[in-house]
Amino acid sequence: NGLDTAEKIQNILTEHNKMFNQKIDFGISLNHGTIVGKQEGDMFKFMSMGSLITISKKIASFSKGEILLSDKINDLLRLNIKTEKEMRDGTAVFIVKSIKRENEEARKFINKFMERQKKE
């Protein structure tokens, strides 16, 4: 998913900046919206609907190496992440503080519990 990809990108760029003198100044944002796309030969062309790309670029410009979320995607991911709301240049952004991950043992336990509940 997008959050995992953003986290991997952040880790790669952060590690690069630790190892090399030439630092990469980067910002990462996630947003939610609609795009229209079509395949033309080996090219995929797309166009965003509304202000999806504009808002994404604006939020990314506020990032200081963090993963920042828009209101829309924060609402969609609320159960899986812990964020902190902050105003930056008059725009509300959500800083990803942690990502809730299910471990395999917990998932197995929950599935077994749910199966037992269905049998009763």
C-alpha atoms as a PDB file:
ATOM      1  CA  ASN A   1       0.000   0.000   0.000  1.00  0.00           C
ATOM      2  CA  GLY A   2       0.988   3.637  -0.260  1.00  0.00           C
ATOM      3  CA  LEU A   3       1.924   4.021   3.380  1.00  0.00           C
ATOM      4  CA  ASP A   4       4.359   1.084   3.228  1.00  0.00           C
ATOM      5  CA  THR A   5       5.892   2.492   0.038  1.00  0.00           C
ATOM      6  CA  ALA A   6       6.263   5.952   1.600  1.00  0.00           C
ATOM      7  CA  GLU A   7       7.933   4.423   4.646  1.00  0.00           C
ATOM      8  CA  LYS A   8      10.405   2.448   2.464  1.00  0.00           C
ATOM      9  CA  ILE A   9      11.262   5.584   0.470  1.00  0.00           C
ATOM     10  CA  GLN A  10      11.771   7.550   3.679  1.00  0.00           C
ATOM     11  CA  ASN A  11      14.103   4.840   5.052  1.00  0.00           C
ATOM     12  CA  ILE A  12      16.154   4.696   1.843  1.00  0.00           C
ATOM     13  CA  LEU A  13      16.596   8.479   1.672  1.00  0.00           C
ATOM     14  CA  THR A  14      17.363   8.772   5.390  1.00  0.00           C
ATOM     15  CA  GLU A  15      20.028   6.049   5.119  1.00  0.00           C
ATOM     16  CA  HIS A  16      21.515   7.797   2.079  1.00  0.00           C
ATOM     17  CA  ASN A  17      21.750  11.055   4.022  1.00  0.00           C
ATOM     18  CA  LYS A  18      23.541   9.283   6.883  1.00  0.00           C
ATOM     19  CA  MET A  19      26.152   7.757   4.568  1.00  0.00           C
ATOM     20  CA  PHE A  20      26.918  10.532   2.066  1.00  0.00           C
ATOM     21  CA  ASN A  21      28.044  14.158   2.303  1.00  0.00           C
ATOM     22  CA  GLN A  22      25.681  15.250  -0.453  1.00  0.00           C
ATOM     23  CA  LYS A  23      22.311  15.225   1.327  1.00  0.00           C
ATOM     24  CA  ILE A  24      18.935  14.812  -0.347  1.00  0.00           C
ATOM     25  CA  ASP A  25      16.342  17.312   0.870  1.00  0.00           C
ATOM     26  CA  PHE A  26      13.041  15.481   0.531  1.00  0.00           C
ATOM     27  CA  GLY A  27       9.410  15.659   1.504  1.00  0.00           C
ATOM     28  CA  ILE A  28       6.851  12.864   1.363  1.00  0.00           C
ATOM     29  CA  SER A  29       3.093  13.310   1.335  1.00  0.00           C
ATOM     30  CA  LEU A  30       0.138  10.999   0.905  1.00  0.00           C
ATOM     31  CA  ASN A  31      -3.244  12.142  -0.330  1.00  0.00           C
ATOM     32  CA  HIS A  32      -6.433  10.528  -1.588  1.00  0.00           C
ATOM     33  CA  GLY A  33      -8.295  11.409  -4.750  1.00  0.00           C
ATOM     34  CA  THR A  34      -9.296  10.448  -8.254  1.00  0.00           C
ATOM     35  CA  ILE A  35      -7.144  10.109 -11.340  1.00  0.00           C
ATOM     36  CA  VAL A  36      -8.068   9.254 -14.910  1.00  0.00           C
ATOM     37  CA  GLY A  37      -5.512   7.158 -16.742  1.00  0.00           C
ATOM     38  CA  LYS A  38      -4.970   5.361 -19.998  1.00  0.00           C
ATOM     39  CA  GLN A  39      -2.306   3.157 -21.501  1.00  0.00           C
ATOM     40  CA  GLU A  40      -0.786   4.397 -24.777  1.00  0.00           C
ATOM     41  CA  GLY A  41       1.688   1.816 -26.001  1.00  0.00           C
ATOM     42  CA  ASP A  42       4.316   1.477 -23.293  1.00  0.00           C
ATOM     43  CA  MET A  43       3.335   4.786 -21.656  1.00  0.00           C
ATOM     44  CA  PHE A  44       0.734   5.255 -18.932  1.00  0.00           C
ATOM     45  CA  LYS A  45      -0.741   8.740 -19.050  1.00  0.00           C
ATOM     46  CA  PHE A  46      -2.835  10.122 -16.235  1.00  0.00           C
ATOM     47  CA  MET A  47      -4.565  13.266 -15.119  1.00  0.00           C
ATOM     48  CA  SER A  48      -5.757  14.061 -11.611  1.00  0.00           C
ATOM     49  CA  MET A  49      -9.258  15.222 -10.889  1.00  0.00           C
ATOM     50  CA  GLY A  50      -9.672  18.307  -8.734  1.00  0.00           C
ATOM     51  CA  SER A  51      -6.744  19.488  -6.647  1.00  0.00           C
ATOM     52  CA  LEU A  52      -5.224  16.078  -5.803  1.00  0.00           C
ATOM     53  CA  ILE A  53      -1.724  16.734  -7.184  1.00  0.00           C
ATOM     54  CA  THR A  54      -1.647  20.394  -6.119  1.00  0.00           C
ATOM     55  CA  ILE A  55      -2.452  19.551  -2.500  1.00  0.00           C
ATOM     56  CA  SER A  56      -0.035  16.592  -2.512  1.00  0.00           C
ATOM     57  CA  LYS A  57       2.829  18.773  -3.755  1.00  0.00           C
ATOM     58  CA  LYS A  58       1.992  21.523  -1.260  1.00  0.00           C
ATOM     59  CA  ILE A  59       1.970  19.102   1.689  1.00  0.00           C
ATOM     60  CA  ALA A  60       5.219  17.458   0.515  1.00  0.00           C
ATOM     61  CA  SER A  61       6.852  20.894   0.417  1.00  0.00           C
ATOM     62  CA  PHE A  62       6.127  21.265   4.165  1.00  0.00           C
ATOM     63  CA  SER A  63       7.760  17.927   4.991  1.00  0.00           C
ATOM     64  CA  LYS A  64      11.171  17.899   6.611  1.00  0.00           C
ATOM     65  CA  GLY A  65      11.825  14.249   5.849  1.00  0.00           C
ATOM     66  CA  GLU A  66       8.614  13.117   7.550  1.00  0.00           C
ATOM     67  CA  ILE A  67       5.646  11.384   5.967  1.00  0.00           C
ATOM     68  CA  LEU A  68       2.820  13.916   5.968  1.00  0.00           C
ATOM     69  CA  LEU A  69      -0.821  13.091   5.269  1.00  0.00           C
ATOM     70  CA  SER A  70      -3.746  15.135   4.030  1.00  0.00           C
ATOM     71  CA  ASP A  71      -7.068  15.215   5.897  1.00  0.00           C
ATOM     72  CA  LYS A  72      -8.644  12.764   3.444  1.00  0.00           C
ATOM     73  CA  ILE A  73      -6.057  10.000   3.678  1.00  0.00           C
ATOM     74  CA  ASN A  74      -5.638  10.480   7.433  1.00  0.00           C
ATOM     75  CA  ASP A  75      -9.366   9.748   7.835  1.00  0.00           C
ATOM     76  CA  LEU A  76      -9.049   6.596   5.708  1.00  0.00           C
ATOM     77  CA  LEU A  77      -5.967   5.273   7.532  1.00  0.00           C
ATOM     78  CA  ARG A  78      -6.948   6.340  11.050  1.00  0.00           C
ATOM     79  CA  LEU A  79      -7.296   2.761  12.344  1.00  0.00           C
ATOM     80  CA  ASN A  80      -3.844   1.738  11.121  1.00  0.00           C
ATOM     81  CA  ILE A  81      -1.721   4.721  12.097  1.00  0.00           C
ATOM     82  CA  LYS A  82      -1.044   7.188  14.857  1.00  0.00           C
ATOM     83  CA  THR A  83      -0.691  10.774  13.629  1.00  0.00           C
ATOM     84  CA  GLU A  84      -0.234  14.216  15.066  1.00  0.00           C
ATOM     85  CA  LYS A  85      -2.031  17.181  13.522  1.00  0.00           C
ATOM     86  CA  GLU A  86       0.009  20.300  12.871  1.00  0.00           C
ATOM     87  CA  MET A  87      -0.574  23.557  11.010  1.00  0.00           C
ATOM     88  CA  ARG A  88       2.126  24.449   8.526  1.00  0.00           C
ATOM     89  CA  ASP A  89       1.827  27.699   6.615  1.00  0.00           C
ATOM     90  CA  GLY A  90      -1.931  27.723   7.266  1.00  0.00           C
ATOM     91  CA  THR A  91      -2.465  24.156   6.052  1.00  0.00           C
ATOM     92  CA  ALA A  92      -3.447  21.247   8.293  1.00  0.00           C
ATOM     93  CA  VAL A  93      -1.114  18.267   7.904  1.00  0.00           C
ATOM     94  CA  PHE A  94      -0.878  15.004   9.801  1.00  0.00           C
ATOM     95  CA  ILE A  95       2.577  13.716  10.777  1.00  0.00           C
ATOM     96  CA  VAL A  96       2.844   9.921  10.851  1.00  0.00           C
ATOM     97  CA  LYS A  97       4.123   8.969  14.297  1.00  0.00           C
ATOM     98  CA  SER A  98       3.673   5.198  14.119  1.00  0.00           C
ATOM     99  CA  ILE A  99       2.126   2.514  11.979  1.00  0.00           C
ATOM    100  CA  LYS A 100       0.134  -0.211  13.688  1.00  0.00           C
ATOM    101  CA  ARG A 101       1.168  -3.593  12.366  1.00  0.00           C
ATOM    102  CA  GLU A 102      -0.500  -6.893  13.175  1.00  0.00           C
ATOM    103  CA  ASN A 103       1.882  -9.650  13.967  1.00  0.00           C
ATOM    104  CA  GLU A 104       1.153 -13.100  12.573  1.00  0.00           C
ATOM    105  CA  GLU A 105       0.481 -14.716  15.965  1.00  0.00           C
ATOM    106  CA  ALA A 106      -2.116 -12.102  16.886  1.00  0.00           C
ATOM    107  CA  ARG A 107      -3.846 -12.582  13.532  1.00  0.00           C
ATOM    108  CA  LYS A 108      -3.986 -16.383  14.014  1.00  0.00           C
ATOM    109  CA  PHE A 109      -5.382 -15.959  17.534  1.00  0.00           C
ATOM    110  CA  ILE A 110      -8.089 -13.569  16.334  1.00  0.00           C
ATOM    111  CA  ASN A 111      -9.034 -15.838  13.425  1.00  0.00           C
ATOM    112  CA  LYS A 112      -9.335 -18.888  15.725  1.00  0.00           C
ATOM    113  CA  PHE A 113     -11.411 -16.880  18.178  1.00  0.00           C
ATOM    114  CA  MET A 114     -13.750 -15.704  15.398  1.00  0.00           C
ATOM    115  CA  GLU A 115     -14.146 -19.277  14.098  1.00  0.00           C
ATOM    116  CA  ARG A 116     -15.093 -20.491  17.596  1.00  0.00           C
ATOM    117  CA  GLN A 117     -17.648 -17.677  17.894  1.00  0.00           C
ATOM    118  CA  LYS A 118     -19.280 -18.687  14.605  1.00  0.00           C
ATOM    119  CA  LYS A 119     -19.644 -22.308  15.775  1.00  0.00           C
ATOM    120  CA  GLU A 120     -21.457 -21.320  18.994  1.00  0.00           C
END
